Amino acid sequence: MIDRGHELALIRQAKLLKLSRSSVYYRPRPVSPADLAIMRRIDELHLDYPFAGSRMLRDLLRGEGIAIGRQRVATMMKRMGIAALYRRPNTSKPAPGHKIYPYLLHGLAVDRPNQVWAMDITPAFAGAGSISRWREALFT
């Protein structure tokens, strides 16, 4: 995209491509050998403990004498593209015995105002004492 040897100035090339000038001049720094060694060890630990997150990996590294913080481990994990494996909530399955209500608007073309209405009966509580006010309003 950007040709540094082109006769057109870098600023003009960036403007034509709608890029910021800072992204044109940005040159990523290489990863230090010490960081590569730590990342290699994180990868080995991740293979042994695939369920370990950044906190557990930090503790394992500190046990080996490597002084490192959790955020640094998390950054390295993100850079390496690894994440802890753990059970996630399965929210797609309905609860057993839960009634499935039919969708009554299936196949109905809604083409005019006020043809279809919806309502929500969730109470909106506001402030202290609102529950007692709702109870008084509903049951008196």
N, C-alpha and C. Protein backbone atom coordinates (compact mmCIF):
# COMPACT_ATOMS: atom_id res chain seq x y z
N MET A 1 0.82 -1.19 0.00
CA MET A 1 0.00 0.00 0.00
C MET A 1 0.86 1.26 0.00
N ILE A 2 1.61 1.44 1.07
CA ILE A 2 2.48 2.60 1.17
C ILE A 2 3.84 2.23 0.60
N ASP A 3 4.29 3.01 -0.38
CA ASP A 3 5.60 2.78 -0.99
C ASP A 3 6.52 3.90 -0.54
N ARG A 4 7.50 3.54 0.30
CA ARG A 4 8.41 4.55 0.83
C ARG A 4 9.34 5.12 -0.23
N GLY A 5 9.56 4.39 -1.33
CA GLY A 5 10.45 4.86 -2.38
C GLY A 5 9.74 5.62 -3.48
N HIS A 6 8.44 5.76 -3.36
CA HIS A 6 7.66 6.45 -4.40
C HIS A 6 7.91 7.95 -4.34
N GLU A 7 7.74 8.61 -5.50
CA GLU A 7 7.98 10.06 -5.55
C GLU A 7 6.90 10.84 -4.82
N LEU A 8 5.72 10.25 -4.65
CA LEU A 8 4.65 10.90 -3.91
C LEU A 8 4.99 10.84 -2.42
N ALA A 9 4.84 11.93 -1.73
CA ALA A 9 5.20 12.01 -0.31
C ALA A 9 4.37 11.04 0.52
N LEU A 10 4.96 10.57 1.62
CA LEU A 10 4.25 9.63 2.50
C LEU A 10 2.97 10.23 3.05
N ILE A 11 3.01 11.51 3.37
CA ILE A 11 1.83 12.17 3.92
C ILE A 11 0.70 12.14 2.90
N ARG A 12 1.03 12.40 1.64
CA ARG A 12 0.02 12.41 0.57
C ARG A 12 -0.52 10.99 0.32
N GLN A 13 0.36 10.00 0.36
CA GLN A 13 -0.09 8.62 0.18
C GLN A 13 -1.05 8.22 1.30
N ALA A 14 -0.72 8.63 2.52
CA ALA A 14 -1.59 8.32 3.66
C ALA A 14 -2.94 9.00 3.51
N LYS A 15 -2.94 10.21 3.04
CA LYS A 15 -4.18 10.96 2.87
C LYS A 15 -5.06 10.30 1.81
N LEU A 16 -4.44 9.86 0.70
CA LEU A 16 -5.19 9.21 -0.37
C LEU A 16 -5.79 7.88 0.09
N LEU A 17 -5.07 7.17 0.95
CA LEU A 17 -5.55 5.88 1.46
C LEU A 17 -6.40 6.02 2.71
N LYS A 18 -6.57 7.26 3.17
CA LYS A 18 -7.34 7.56 4.38
C LYS A 18 -6.76 6.84 5.59
N LEU A 19 -5.43 6.90 5.72
CA LEU A 19 -4.73 6.35 6.86
C LEU A 19 -4.18 7.49 7.71
N SER A 20 -4.06 7.24 9.00
CA SER A 20 -3.44 8.25 9.85
C SER A 20 -1.93 8.24 9.61
N ARG A 21 -1.30 9.37 9.78
CA ARG A 21 0.14 9.46 9.57
C ARG A 21 0.91 8.62 10.58
N SER A 22 0.37 8.50 11.78
CA SER A 22 1.08 7.72 12.79
C SER A 22 1.16 6.24 12.39
N SER A 23 0.14 5.73 11.70
CA SER A 23 0.18 4.34 11.27
C SER A 23 1.16 4.14 10.12
N VAL A 24 1.44 5.22 9.36
CA VAL A 24 2.41 5.12 8.27
C VAL A 24 3.82 5.01 8.83
N TYR A 25 4.12 5.77 9.86
CA TYR A 25 5.46 5.81 10.42
C TYR A 25 5.71 4.73 11.47
N TYR A 26 4.65 4.01 11.89
CA TYR A 26 4.79 3.01 12.94
C TYR A 26 5.60 1.82 12.44
N ARG A 27 6.58 1.43 13.22
CA ARG A 27 7.36 0.22 12.94
C ARG A 27 7.33 -0.64 14.21
N PRO A 28 6.76 -1.83 14.13
CA PRO A 28 6.66 -2.67 15.33
C PRO A 28 8.04 -3.09 15.83
N ARG A 29 8.16 -3.10 17.16
CA ARG A 29 9.42 -3.52 17.76
C ARG A 29 9.51 -5.03 17.79
N PRO A 30 10.69 -5.58 17.58
CA PRO A 30 10.82 -7.04 17.65
C PRO A 30 10.69 -7.51 19.10
N VAL A 31 10.26 -8.75 19.26
CA VAL A 31 10.11 -9.33 20.60
C VAL A 31 11.49 -9.71 21.10
N SER A 32 11.76 -9.36 22.35
CA SER A 32 13.07 -9.63 22.93
C SER A 32 13.27 -11.14 23.16
N PRO A 33 14.51 -11.60 23.17
CA PRO A 33 14.77 -13.03 23.42
C PRO A 33 14.26 -13.49 24.78
N ALA A 34 14.31 -12.61 25.79
CA ALA A 34 13.80 -12.99 27.12
C ALA A 34 12.29 -13.24 27.05
N ASP A 35 11.57 -12.37 26.34
CA ASP A 35 10.13 -12.56 26.19
C ASP A 35 9.82 -13.82 25.40
N LEU A 36 10.63 -14.10 24.38
CA LEU A 36 10.42 -15.32 23.61
C LEU A 36 10.61 -16.57 24.47
N ALA A 37 11.59 -16.53 25.37
CA ALA A 37 11.81 -17.66 26.27
C ALA A 37 10.62 -17.84 27.21
N ILE A 38 10.09 -16.74 27.73
CA ILE A 38 8.92 -16.81 28.62
C ILE A 38 7.72 -17.31 27.84
N MET A 39 7.54 -16.83 26.61
CA MET A 39 6.41 -17.27 25.81
C MET A 39 6.52 -18.76 25.46
N ARG A 40 7.72 -19.22 25.23
CA ARG A 40 7.94 -20.64 24.98
C ARG A 40 7.55 -21.46 26.21
N ARG A 41 7.93 -20.97 27.39
CA ARG A 41 7.59 -21.68 28.63
C ARG A 41 6.09 -21.63 28.88
N ILE A 42 5.44 -20.50 28.58
CA ILE A 42 3.98 -20.40 28.72
C ILE A 42 3.31 -21.42 27.82
N ASP A 43 3.83 -21.57 26.60
CA ASP A 43 3.26 -22.54 25.67
C ASP A 43 3.41 -23.96 26.20
N GLU A 44 4.56 -24.27 26.77
CA GLU A 44 4.76 -25.60 27.35
C GLU A 44 3.81 -25.84 28.52
N LEU A 45 3.67 -24.83 29.38
CA LEU A 45 2.76 -24.96 30.52
C LEU A 45 1.31 -25.08 30.05
N HIS A 46 0.98 -24.36 28.98
CA HIS A 46 -0.39 -24.42 28.46
C HIS A 46 -0.70 -25.82 27.92
N LEU A 47 0.30 -26.48 27.34
CA LEU A 47 0.08 -27.85 26.87
C LEU A 47 -0.12 -28.81 28.04
N ASP A 48 0.59 -28.57 29.15
CA ASP A 48 0.43 -29.41 30.34
C ASP A 48 -0.85 -29.10 31.10
N TYR A 49 -1.19 -27.82 31.18
CA TYR A 49 -2.36 -27.36 31.92
C TYR A 49 -3.23 -26.50 31.01
N PRO A 50 -4.03 -27.08 30.11
CA PRO A 50 -4.82 -26.28 29.18
C PRO A 50 -5.93 -25.47 29.86
N PHE A 51 -6.25 -25.82 31.09
CA PHE A 51 -7.28 -25.11 31.84
C PHE A 51 -6.72 -23.91 32.60
N ALA A 52 -5.41 -23.73 32.57
CA ALA A 52 -4.77 -22.65 33.35
C ALA A 52 -4.95 -21.32 32.64
N GLY A 53 -5.42 -20.35 33.39
CA GLY A 53 -5.54 -18.99 32.88
C GLY A 53 -4.30 -18.18 33.23
N SER A 54 -4.40 -16.88 33.06
CA SER A 54 -3.23 -16.02 33.29
C SER A 54 -2.78 -16.04 34.75
N ARG A 55 -3.72 -16.14 35.68
CA ARG A 55 -3.34 -16.15 37.10
C ARG A 55 -2.58 -17.42 37.47
N MET A 56 -3.10 -18.55 37.01
CA MET A 56 -2.43 -19.82 37.35
C MET A 56 -1.08 -19.92 36.65
N LEU A 57 -1.01 -19.49 35.40
CA LEU A 57 0.26 -19.51 34.70
C LEU A 57 1.28 -18.59 35.37
N ARG A 58 0.81 -17.44 35.85
CA ARG A 58 1.70 -16.53 36.58
C ARG A 58 2.26 -17.22 37.81
N ASP A 59 1.40 -17.91 38.55
CA ASP A 59 1.86 -18.60 39.75
C ASP A 59 2.84 -19.73 39.41
N LEU A 60 2.58 -20.45 38.32
CA LEU A 60 3.50 -21.52 37.92
C LEU A 60 4.85 -20.94 37.50
N LEU A 61 4.84 -19.82 36.78
CA LEU A 61 6.09 -19.19 36.37
C LEU A 61 6.85 -18.64 37.57
N ARG A 62 6.12 -18.05 38.51
CA ARG A 62 6.78 -17.53 39.71
C ARG A 62 7.39 -18.66 40.53
N GLY A 63 6.74 -19.82 40.50
CA GLY A 63 7.30 -21.00 41.19
C GLY A 63 8.60 -21.46 40.56
N GLU A 64 8.78 -21.16 39.29
CA GLU A 64 10.02 -21.50 38.59
C GLU A 64 11.06 -20.39 38.70
N GLY A 65 10.72 -19.31 39.40
CA GLY A 65 11.68 -18.23 39.59
C GLY A 65 11.59 -17.12 38.56
N ILE A 66 10.55 -17.09 37.74
CA ILE A 66 10.38 -16.04 36.74
C ILE A 66 9.45 -14.99 37.33
N ALA A 67 9.96 -13.79 37.54
CA ALA A 67 9.16 -12.70 38.10
C ALA A 67 8.36 -12.06 36.98
N ILE A 68 7.05 -12.28 37.01
CA ILE A 68 6.18 -11.77 35.95
C ILE A 68 4.82 -11.50 36.55
N GLY A 69 4.11 -10.52 36.00
CA GLY A 69 2.79 -10.16 36.47
C GLY A 69 1.69 -10.79 35.63
N ARG A 70 0.48 -10.75 36.17
CA ARG A 70 -0.65 -11.38 35.49
C ARG A 70 -0.97 -10.71 34.17
N GLN A 71 -0.93 -9.39 34.12
CA GLN A 71 -1.25 -8.69 32.88
C GLN A 71 -0.24 -9.01 31.79
N ARG A 72 1.01 -9.16 32.18
CA ARG A 72 2.05 -9.50 31.20
C ARG A 72 1.81 -10.90 30.64
N VAL A 73 1.42 -11.84 31.52
CA VAL A 73 1.10 -13.19 31.07
C VAL A 73 -0.12 -13.15 30.15
N ALA A 74 -1.13 -12.37 30.52
CA ALA A 74 -2.34 -12.27 29.70
C ALA A 74 -2.03 -11.67 28.33
N THR A 75 -1.15 -10.67 28.29
CA THR A 75 -0.75 -10.06 27.02
C THR A 75 -0.02 -11.06 26.15
N MET A 76 0.87 -11.82 26.75
CA MET A 76 1.61 -12.83 25.98
C MET A 76 0.68 -13.93 25.49
N MET A 77 -0.28 -14.33 26.33
CA MET A 77 -1.24 -15.34 25.90
C MET A 77 -2.06 -14.83 24.72
N LYS A 78 -2.46 -13.58 24.77
CA LYS A 78 -3.23 -13.00 23.67
C LYS A 78 -2.39 -12.93 22.40
N ARG A 79 -1.14 -12.55 22.54
CA ARG A 79 -0.23 -12.46 21.39
C ARG A 79 -0.02 -13.83 20.76
N MET A 80 0.03 -14.88 21.62
CA MET A 80 0.25 -16.23 21.13
C MET A 80 -1.04 -16.90 20.67
N GLY A 81 -2.17 -16.30 21.01
CA GLY A 81 -3.46 -16.85 20.58
C GLY A 81 -3.92 -18.05 21.39
N ILE A 82 -3.53 -18.10 22.66
CA ILE A 82 -3.98 -19.20 23.51
C ILE A 82 -4.90 -18.67 24.60
N ALA A 83 -5.81 -19.51 25.03
CA ALA A 83 -6.74 -19.15 26.09
C ALA A 83 -7.03 -20.39 26.92
N ALA A 84 -7.44 -20.18 28.15
CA ALA A 84 -7.74 -21.29 29.05
C ALA A 84 -9.01 -22.00 28.58
N LEU A 85 -9.01 -23.30 28.73
CA LEU A 85 -10.19 -24.10 28.40
C LEU A 85 -10.97 -24.34 29.68
N TYR A 86 -12.24 -24.02 29.65
CA TYR A 86 -13.10 -24.25 30.80
C TYR A 86 -14.53 -24.37 30.32
N ARG A 87 -15.36 -24.94 31.15
CA ARG A 87 -16.77 -25.09 30.79
C ARG A 87 -17.44 -23.75 30.77
N ARG A 88 -18.13 -23.48 29.70
CA ARG A 88 -18.88 -22.24 29.57
C ARG A 88 -20.36 -22.56 29.74
N PRO A 89 -21.14 -21.61 30.17
CA PRO A 89 -22.56 -21.90 30.36
C PRO A 89 -23.24 -22.23 29.03
N ASN A 90 -24.05 -23.26 29.04
CA ASN A 90 -24.78 -23.65 27.84
C ASN A 90 -26.16 -23.03 27.91
N THR A 91 -26.29 -21.86 27.35
CA THR A 91 -27.56 -21.13 27.45
C THR A 91 -28.49 -21.44 26.29
N SER A 92 -28.06 -22.27 25.36
CA SER A 92 -28.89 -22.57 24.19
C SER A 92 -29.90 -23.68 24.45
N LYS A 93 -29.64 -24.53 25.42
CA LYS A 93 -30.55 -25.63 25.69
C LYS A 93 -31.66 -25.17 26.62
N PRO A 94 -32.92 -25.48 26.30
CA PRO A 94 -34.00 -25.11 27.22
C PRO A 94 -34.00 -26.02 28.44
N ALA A 95 -34.52 -25.50 29.51
CA ALA A 95 -34.62 -26.28 30.74
C ALA A 95 -35.65 -27.38 30.55
N PRO A 96 -35.42 -28.56 31.15
CA PRO A 96 -36.41 -29.63 31.00
C PRO A 96 -37.74 -29.23 31.64
N GLY A 97 -38.81 -29.52 30.94
CA GLY A 97 -40.14 -29.18 31.45
C GLY A 97 -40.57 -27.76 31.16
N HIS A 98 -39.71 -26.97 30.54
CA HIS A 98 -40.05 -25.58 30.23
C HIS A 98 -40.99 -25.54 29.04
N LYS A 99 -42.10 -24.86 29.17
CA LYS A 99 -43.08 -24.78 28.10
C LYS A 99 -42.57 -23.86 27.00
N ILE A 100 -42.67 -24.32 25.77
CA ILE A 100 -42.28 -23.51 24.61
C ILE A 100 -43.55 -22.91 24.03
N TYR A 101 -43.63 -21.60 24.06
CA TYR A 101 -44.81 -20.92 23.56
C TYR A 101 -44.71 -20.74 22.05
N PRO A 102 -45.81 -20.92 21.32
CA PRO A 102 -45.75 -20.78 19.87
C PRO A 102 -45.58 -19.33 19.45
N TYR A 103 -44.91 -19.14 18.32
CA TYR A 103 -44.74 -17.80 17.76
C TYR A 103 -45.95 -17.51 16.89
N LEU A 104 -46.81 -16.65 17.34
CA LEU A 104 -48.10 -16.42 16.69
C LEU A 104 -48.01 -15.53 15.46
N LEU A 105 -46.89 -14.86 15.28
CA LEU A 105 -46.77 -13.94 14.14
C LEU A 105 -46.06 -14.58 12.94
N HIS A 106 -45.82 -15.89 13.01
CA HIS A 106 -45.11 -16.56 11.91
C HIS A 106 -45.95 -16.50 10.64
N GLY A 107 -45.35 -16.00 9.58
CA GLY A 107 -46.04 -15.92 8.30
C GLY A 107 -46.93 -14.70 8.16
N LEU A 108 -47.02 -13.87 9.18
CA LEU A 108 -47.86 -12.68 9.12
C LEU A 108 -47.03 -11.49 8.65
N ALA A 109 -47.50 -10.82 7.62
CA ALA A 109 -46.80 -9.64 7.11
C ALA A 109 -47.29 -8.41 7.87
N VAL A 110 -46.40 -7.78 8.60
CA VAL A 110 -46.75 -6.58 9.35
C VAL A 110 -46.52 -5.40 8.41
N ASP A 111 -47.63 -4.81 7.91
CA ASP A 111 -47.49 -3.78 6.89
C ASP A 111 -48.22 -2.48 7.21
N ARG A 112 -48.78 -2.36 8.42
CA ARG A 112 -49.43 -1.11 8.79
C ARG A 112 -49.23 -0.84 10.28
N PRO A 113 -49.31 0.42 10.68
CA PRO A 113 -49.15 0.75 12.10
C PRO A 113 -50.26 0.14 12.95
N ASN A 114 -49.94 -0.16 14.17
CA ASN A 114 -50.87 -0.71 15.17
C ASN A 114 -51.44 -2.06 14.77
N GLN A 115 -50.80 -2.77 13.85
CA GLN A 115 -51.26 -4.10 13.49
C GLN A 115 -50.83 -5.12 14.53
N VAL A 116 -49.64 -4.94 15.09
CA VAL A 116 -49.09 -5.85 16.09
C VAL A 116 -48.67 -5.03 17.30
N TRP A 117 -49.05 -5.53 18.47
CA TRP A 117 -48.67 -4.87 19.70
C TRP A 117 -47.87 -5.82 20.56
N ALA A 118 -47.04 -5.26 21.43
CA ALA A 118 -46.29 -6.06 22.38
C ALA A 118 -46.38 -5.40 23.74
N MET A 119 -46.24 -6.22 24.80
CA MET A 119 -46.35 -5.68 26.14
C MET A 119 -45.38 -6.41 27.06
N ASP A 120 -44.84 -5.68 28.00
CA ASP A 120 -43.94 -6.25 28.99
C ASP A 120 -44.49 -5.92 30.36
N ILE A 121 -44.64 -6.92 31.21
CA ILE A 121 -45.23 -6.68 32.53
C ILE A 121 -44.18 -6.64 33.62
N THR A 122 -42.91 -6.48 33.25
CA THR A 122 -41.84 -6.40 34.24
C THR A 122 -41.98 -5.10 35.02
N PRO A 123 -42.08 -5.16 36.35
CA PRO A 123 -42.20 -3.91 37.11
C PRO A 123 -40.88 -3.16 37.15
N ALA A 124 -40.96 -1.87 37.05
CA ALA A 124 -39.77 -1.02 37.13
C ALA A 124 -39.74 -0.37 38.50
N PHE A 125 -38.84 -0.85 39.35
CA PHE A 125 -38.73 -0.30 40.69
C PHE A 125 -37.80 0.90 40.67
N ALA A 126 -38.16 1.93 41.40
CA ALA A 126 -37.33 3.13 41.42
C ALA A 126 -37.18 3.64 42.84
N GLY A 127 -35.97 3.51 43.36
CA GLY A 127 -35.67 4.11 44.65
C GLY A 127 -36.10 3.28 45.84
N ALA A 128 -35.76 3.79 47.02
CA ALA A 128 -36.05 3.10 48.27
C ALA A 128 -37.54 3.17 48.57
N GLY A 129 -38.08 2.09 49.05
CA GLY A 129 -39.49 2.05 49.42
C GLY A 129 -40.41 1.81 48.24
N SER A 130 -39.87 1.59 47.07
CA SER A 130 -40.73 1.43 45.90
C SER A 130 -41.49 0.11 45.93
N ILE A 131 -40.90 -0.92 46.57
CA ILE A 131 -41.58 -2.20 46.63
C ILE A 131 -42.85 -2.07 47.45
N SER A 132 -42.75 -1.37 48.57
CA SER A 132 -43.96 -1.19 49.38
C SER A 132 -44.99 -0.35 48.64
N ARG A 133 -44.55 0.63 47.85
CA ARG A 133 -45.51 1.43 47.06
C ARG A 133 -46.19 0.57 46.01
N TRP A 134 -45.43 -0.33 45.37
CA TRP A 134 -46.03 -1.22 44.38
C TRP A 134 -47.04 -2.15 45.06
N ARG A 135 -46.66 -2.67 46.23
CA ARG A 135 -47.56 -3.57 46.94
C ARG A 135 -48.84 -2.84 47.31
N GLU A 136 -48.73 -1.61 47.77
CA GLU A 136 -49.92 -0.82 48.12
C GLU A 136 -50.78 -0.56 46.89
N ALA A 137 -50.12 -0.26 45.75
CA ALA A 137 -50.88 0.05 44.54
C ALA A 137 -51.57 -1.18 43.98
N LEU A 138 -50.96 -2.35 44.13
CA LEU A 138 -51.53 -3.55 43.54
C LEU A 138 -52.57 -4.22 44.42
N PHE A 139 -52.38 -4.15 45.74
CA PHE A 139 -53.25 -4.95 46.61
C PHE A 139 -54.19 -4.11 47.48
N THR A 140 -54.39 -2.88 47.16
CA THR A 140 -55.34 -2.07 47.95
C THR A 140 -56.50 -1.65 47.12
